[in-house]
Every structure is written in C-alpha cells, then in structure tokens.
C-alpha cells in the first residue's frame, strides 16, 4: 500500500471543500416561501407551539438545510475516500452501477460501495446494493486472475463494529474504514484539520445571506399567512401545504 501524505490530503480538501459551501449557498439561494411551506410539516410546528412568523420560517429553513447539508457533506466525504483509495490502493472506478471503486490485493478483488453514515438506506436501497454486489461478484469470479472477491460497504463515520450484511457485504465503518483505505490508524482524525479551510469566512458569508433570506421570507409570510394582528393563520398554512380536493 502506498502512503498518502498530509500535503496531498490538505491540497485535495482545500481544492474541493468549496463545493460543499457552494452547494449550501445554492440551496439557500433557490429557496422561496411557497416551496418551503409545501415541503415541511406544518402540524409539527403547530404542535411545538411556534407562534411567530420569523420563528416558523427559521424552523422550516433550518430543517431543510439540516437534511440537505448532511447529504452534501456526505457526498464530499465519499469523494475524499475515493481519492484516498485511488492514491493508496490504486483503486479504480467500478464498472458496476451502484458501486464506487475496485482494487486488488494479491488475488483478492475488493469491490466497494462508499456511504457517509451507517443509516444510509432503506430496504429497497439495500436490496439494490446487494444485487449490484452479486452482479459484480459473478463477473469477477470468471477471471483467472481473481481467486476471491470481497464485497465491502465502507461507511465514513460511525463506531459500529465490522459485520456481514446480507450474507456477503462486509460493512466497515469509521476509523476502521479509513484505516482500511489509508493504512493509518489516525487517519480518521487527521482529516479533521484541513476540513476547516476558510470555514469561518465562508460560514460568516452564509449566515449573512441566510439572515437576509429569513427577513425576506418572514415579510412575505406575514403578508400572505398572518392576520392584521400578526397572528399565524394556521388553517391557511395547512390548506396551502396539504389541501388537494376540488
């Protein structure tokens, strides 16, 4: 296994972390009041006794951003893992749909899917992953250069112990996953520092634009979904969100 230097990791992160911040900003810029109200659960926020327009808008927006950021940053971690494995293990992009990389150690061919978190998929997604592994496994075992095939699901964070899923998928998470593709037991903590590249400046800019958006959406909400006294018209909010009978 080739070692990967801290300089290589730092350079990759600095060159690519901007994508995470840009995607966050794009989601913010593409948010409008009606889409926000359509996609979030108004009953939940009524049950939580949200009483002001600004509080409701902030709650809806934070809920949207939280789910989006988890996905966006998960994609970044997956791309980082693919980069590392390419450098250390000479891993190449898998030719099987739904799988990420492949590499060889001795006569064992490793085929790997990379996900960000342990609770990444529903039963249908797991079934699709299993089918993809079985398809790749069948093709690879026909090669005279391969005596064994290892199907691996690599999870970028979480402290779950290694286990076998679906009878053939080796799930490896957190420190053990990063160790597997980097050869360093401390790699999972070493990558934390470069992730902060320009984080404060970029986050300050994001917060400023988020504040302006909250103010604009709150103004629109007060006009369309509040009475003259400033009270939220919950029936109209729910009707807009869920009304679908003629």
Protein backbone atom coordinates (compact mmCIF):
# COMPACT_ATOMS: atom_id res chain seq x y z
CA UNK A 1 0.00 0.00 0.00
CA UNK A 2 1.33 3.42 -0.97
CA UNK A 3 1.27 6.02 1.80
CA UNK A 4 -0.58 9.25 1.19
CA UNK A 5 0.97 12.42 2.57
CA UNK A 6 -0.78 15.03 4.68
CA UNK A 7 0.07 17.57 1.98
CA UNK A 8 -1.85 15.55 -0.60
CA UNK A 9 -4.88 15.36 1.67
CA UNK A 10 -4.73 19.05 2.57
CA UNK A 11 -4.45 20.03 -1.09
CA UNK A 12 -7.42 17.86 -2.06
CA UNK A 13 -9.60 19.17 0.74
CA UNK A 14 -8.74 22.82 0.04
CA UNK A 15 -9.49 22.34 -3.65
CA UNK A 16 -12.80 20.57 -3.08
CA UNK A 17 -14.35 21.74 0.21
CA UNK A 18 -15.53 24.86 -1.60
CA UNK A 19 -18.06 22.63 -3.39
CA UNK A 20 -19.75 21.87 -0.06
CA UNK A 21 -20.07 25.56 0.78
CA UNK A 22 -21.18 26.45 -2.75
CA UNK A 23 -23.90 23.79 -2.69
CA UNK A 24 -25.14 25.03 0.69
CA UNK A 25 -25.35 28.52 -0.73
CA UNK A 26 -27.13 27.31 -3.86
CA UNK A 27 -29.82 25.65 -1.73
CA UNK A 28 -30.24 28.89 0.19
CA UNK A 29 -30.50 30.99 -2.95
CA UNK A 30 -33.03 28.64 -4.54
CA UNK A 31 -35.38 28.70 -1.55
CA UNK A 32 -38.69 30.50 -1.85
CA UNK A 33 -41.57 30.76 0.59
CA UNK A 34 -44.08 28.54 -1.17
CA UNK A 35 -41.66 25.69 -1.81
CA UNK A 36 -40.57 25.90 1.82
CA UNK A 37 -44.16 25.70 3.08
CA UNK A 38 -45.03 22.83 0.75
CA UNK A 39 -42.16 20.58 1.81
CA UNK A 40 -42.26 20.85 5.61
CA UNK A 41 -44.79 19.53 8.12
CA UNK A 42 -46.94 22.41 9.44
CA UNK A 43 -48.68 20.18 12.01
CA UNK A 44 -45.35 19.51 13.70
CA UNK A 45 -44.54 23.18 14.20
CA UNK A 46 -48.06 23.98 15.43
CA UNK A 47 -47.67 21.16 17.96
CA UNK A 48 -44.34 22.72 19.04
CA UNK A 49 -46.22 25.97 19.77
CA UNK A 50 -44.39 28.07 17.19
CA UNK A 51 -46.13 31.44 17.47
CA UNK A 52 -44.21 33.98 15.40
CA UNK A 53 -43.69 34.22 11.67
CA UNK A 54 -39.92 34.55 11.99
CA UNK A 55 -39.66 31.55 14.30
CA UNK A 56 -41.70 29.45 11.88
CA UNK A 57 -39.61 30.50 8.86
CA UNK A 58 -36.36 29.86 10.75
CA UNK A 59 -37.60 26.42 11.84
CA UNK A 60 -38.67 25.43 8.33
CA UNK A 61 -35.43 26.70 6.82
CA UNK A 62 -33.20 25.06 9.43
CA UNK A 63 -34.98 21.73 8.91
CA UNK A 64 -34.44 21.98 5.16
CA UNK A 65 -30.79 22.98 5.46
CA UNK A 66 -30.01 20.29 8.02
CA UNK A 67 -31.17 17.43 5.80
CA UNK A 68 -29.54 18.96 2.72
CA UNK A 69 -26.19 19.64 4.40
CA UNK A 70 -25.98 16.07 5.68
CA UNK A 71 -26.35 14.79 2.13
CA UNK A 72 -23.99 17.35 0.59
CA UNK A 73 -21.21 16.75 3.10
CA UNK A 74 -21.74 13.02 2.86
CA UNK A 75 -21.04 13.28 -0.88
CA UNK A 76 -17.85 15.20 -0.11
CA UNK A 77 -16.61 12.54 2.33
CA UNK A 78 -17.36 9.83 -0.21
CA UNK A 79 -15.34 11.68 -2.87
CA UNK A 80 -12.46 12.10 -0.39
CA UNK A 81 -12.48 8.37 0.34
CA UNK A 82 -12.41 7.56 -3.37
CA UNK A 83 -9.47 9.94 -3.82
CA UNK A 84 -7.54 8.36 -0.94
CA UNK A 85 -8.15 4.80 -2.14
CA UNK A 86 -7.03 5.78 -5.61
CA UNK A 87 -3.72 7.04 -4.23
CA UNK A 88 -3.02 4.29 -1.68
CA UNK A 89 -4.54 1.18 -3.26
CA UNK A 90 -4.59 2.17 -6.93
CA UNK A 91 -8.34 1.77 -6.74
CA UNK A 92 -10.28 2.45 -9.92
CA UNK A 93 -13.87 3.40 -10.55
CA UNK A 94 -16.08 0.33 -10.52
CA UNK A 95 -17.74 -0.64 -13.79
CA UNK A 96 -20.76 -1.93 -11.86
CA UNK A 97 -23.62 0.51 -11.42
CA UNK A 98 -24.14 1.48 -7.78
CA UNK A 99 -20.60 0.56 -6.69
CA UNK A 100 -17.78 3.07 -6.34
CA UNK A 101 -14.31 1.52 -6.52
CA UNK A 102 -12.40 -1.70 -7.09
CA UNK A 103 -8.86 -2.72 -6.25
CA UNK A 104 -6.74 -5.86 -5.99
CA UNK A 105 -4.61 -7.19 -3.12
CA UNK A 106 -2.87 -10.42 -4.01
CA UNK A 107 -5.50 -12.46 -5.82
CA UNK A 108 -8.41 -10.89 -3.95
CA UNK A 109 -10.50 -8.33 -5.77
CA UNK A 110 -12.18 -5.81 -3.49
CA UNK A 111 -15.33 -4.15 -4.74
CA UNK A 112 -16.60 -1.29 -2.61
CA UNK A 113 -19.57 0.98 -2.18
CA UNK A 114 -18.94 4.06 -0.04
CA UNK A 115 -21.62 5.75 2.05
CA UNK A 116 -21.41 8.60 4.53
CA UNK A 117 -23.38 7.26 7.51
CA UNK A 118 -24.47 3.90 8.92
CA UNK A 119 -28.20 4.54 8.50
CA UNK A 120 -27.83 5.40 4.84
CA UNK A 121 -30.55 3.38 3.11
CA UNK A 122 -33.99 1.81 3.23
CA UNK A 123 -34.78 -1.84 2.45
CA UNK A 124 -35.12 -1.18 -1.29
CA UNK A 125 -31.74 0.57 -1.43
CA UNK A 126 -30.13 -2.29 0.48
CA UNK A 127 -31.65 -4.79 -1.94
CA UNK A 128 -30.32 -2.81 -4.90
CA UNK A 129 -26.85 -2.71 -3.31
CA UNK A 130 -26.95 -6.47 -2.70
CA UNK A 131 -27.96 -7.08 -6.32
CA UNK A 132 -25.13 -4.84 -7.56
CA UNK A 133 -22.58 -6.71 -5.46
CA UNK A 134 -23.87 -10.08 -6.65
CA UNK A 135 -23.66 -8.96 -10.27
CA UNK A 136 -20.08 -7.72 -9.89
CA UNK A 137 -19.12 -10.82 -7.91
CA UNK A 138 -20.41 -13.13 -10.65
CA UNK A 139 -18.46 -11.34 -13.39
CA UNK A 140 -15.20 -11.09 -11.42
CA UNK A 141 -15.15 -14.78 -10.44
CA UNK A 142 -14.97 -15.67 -14.12
CA UNK A 143 -11.48 -14.11 -14.29
CA UNK A 144 -8.47 -16.40 -13.93
CA UNK A 145 -6.62 -13.58 -12.16
CA UNK A 146 -9.10 -13.49 -9.28
CA UNK A 147 -9.35 -16.25 -6.69
CA UNK A 148 -11.53 -14.38 -4.20
CA UNK A 149 -13.91 -11.43 -4.26
CA UNK A 150 -14.60 -9.27 -1.22
CA UNK A 151 -17.73 -7.08 -1.21
CA UNK A 152 -17.24 -4.07 1.08
CA UNK A 153 -19.58 -1.35 2.24
CA UNK A 154 -17.38 1.45 3.57
CA UNK A 155 -19.01 3.93 5.96
CA UNK A 156 -17.18 7.21 6.52
CA UNK A 157 -18.34 7.86 10.09
CA UNK A 158 -19.81 5.89 12.97
CA UNK A 159 -18.38 3.45 15.51
CA UNK A 160 -20.29 0.32 14.52
CA UNK A 161 -18.21 -2.84 14.57
CA UNK A 162 -17.48 -4.65 11.33
CA UNK A 163 -20.21 -7.04 10.39
CA UNK A 164 -21.55 -9.11 7.49
CA UNK A 165 -24.74 -7.82 5.92
CA UNK A 166 -26.97 -9.85 3.62
CA UNK A 167 -24.56 -12.76 3.83
CA UNK A 168 -21.89 -11.22 1.60
CA UNK A 169 -21.46 -7.49 2.32
CA UNK A 170 -18.65 -6.64 4.73
CA UNK A 171 -19.71 -3.39 6.42
CA UNK A 172 -16.77 -1.41 7.81
CA UNK A 173 -17.28 1.96 9.49
CA UNK A 174 -15.46 4.94 10.94
CA UNK A 175 -11.83 4.56 11.98
CA UNK A 176 -11.60 1.02 10.65
CA UNK A 177 -12.84 2.09 7.21
CA UNK A 178 -10.35 4.95 6.90
CA UNK A 179 -7.58 2.66 8.17
CA UNK A 180 -8.51 0.10 5.51
CA UNK A 181 -8.05 2.56 2.65
CA UNK A 182 -5.22 4.69 4.10
CA UNK A 183 -3.10 2.32 6.20
CA UNK A 184 -3.08 4.86 9.06
CA UNK A 185 -4.96 4.29 12.33
CA UNK A 186 -5.08 8.03 12.97
CA UNK A 187 -6.27 9.00 9.50
CA UNK A 188 -9.89 9.42 10.60
CA UNK A 189 -8.81 12.22 12.96
CA UNK A 190 -6.03 13.59 10.73
CA UNK A 191 -8.55 14.72 8.12
CA UNK A 192 -10.45 16.93 10.57
CA UNK A 193 -7.99 19.85 10.50
CA UNK A 194 -7.98 20.60 6.73
CA UNK A 195 -11.78 20.48 6.69
CA UNK A 196 -11.74 23.84 8.44
CA UNK A 197 -10.11 25.55 5.44
CA UNK A 198 -11.70 29.01 5.13
CA UNK A 199 -14.66 27.67 7.13
CA UNK A 200 -15.15 30.79 9.26
CA UNK A 201 -15.12 33.24 6.35
CA UNK A 202 -17.37 31.08 4.20
CA UNK A 203 -19.76 30.38 7.06
CA UNK A 204 -19.96 34.06 8.04
CA UNK A 205 -20.95 34.89 4.45
CA UNK A 206 -23.51 32.09 4.50
CA UNK A 207 -25.03 33.31 7.77
CA UNK A 208 -25.32 36.86 6.42
CA UNK A 209 -27.20 35.66 3.35
CA UNK A 210 -29.34 33.32 5.46
CA UNK A 211 -30.37 36.23 7.71
CA UNK A 212 -31.42 38.30 4.70
CA UNK A 213 -33.42 35.37 3.34
CA UNK A 214 -35.18 34.85 6.69
CA UNK A 215 -36.14 38.52 6.78
CA UNK A 216 -37.48 38.44 3.22
CA UNK A 217 -39.44 35.21 3.70
CA UNK A 218 -40.81 36.42 7.03
CA UNK A 219 -42.11 39.59 5.36
CA UNK A 220 -43.81 37.50 2.65
CA UNK A 221 -45.28 35.13 5.23
CA UNK A 222 -46.69 37.99 7.31
CA UNK A 223 -48.43 39.32 4.22
CA UNK A 224 -49.86 36.02 2.99
CA UNK A 225 -50.41 33.85 6.06
CA UNK A 226 -50.95 36.17 9.04
CA UNK A 227 -53.89 38.34 10.08
CA UNK A 228 -53.65 42.08 10.66
CA UNK A 229 -52.65 41.44 14.27
CA UNK A 230 -49.68 39.34 13.20
CA UNK A 231 -51.18 36.00 14.23
CA UNK A 232 -50.35 32.97 12.11
CA UNK A 233 -53.37 31.69 10.18
CA UNK A 234 -52.60 28.01 10.71
CA UNK A 235 -55.64 26.78 8.81
CA UNK A 236 -54.44 28.65 5.71
CA UNK A 237 -50.89 27.34 6.15
CA UNK A 238 -52.16 23.75 6.39
CA UNK A 239 -54.55 24.27 3.47
CA UNK A 240 -51.72 25.57 1.31
CA UNK A 241 -49.48 22.67 2.36
CA UNK A 242 -51.95 19.80 2.14
CA UNK A 243 -55.24 20.89 0.51
CA UNK A 244 -55.82 18.85 -2.66
CA UNK A 245 -59.55 18.21 -3.02
CA UNK A 246 -61.51 20.23 -5.56
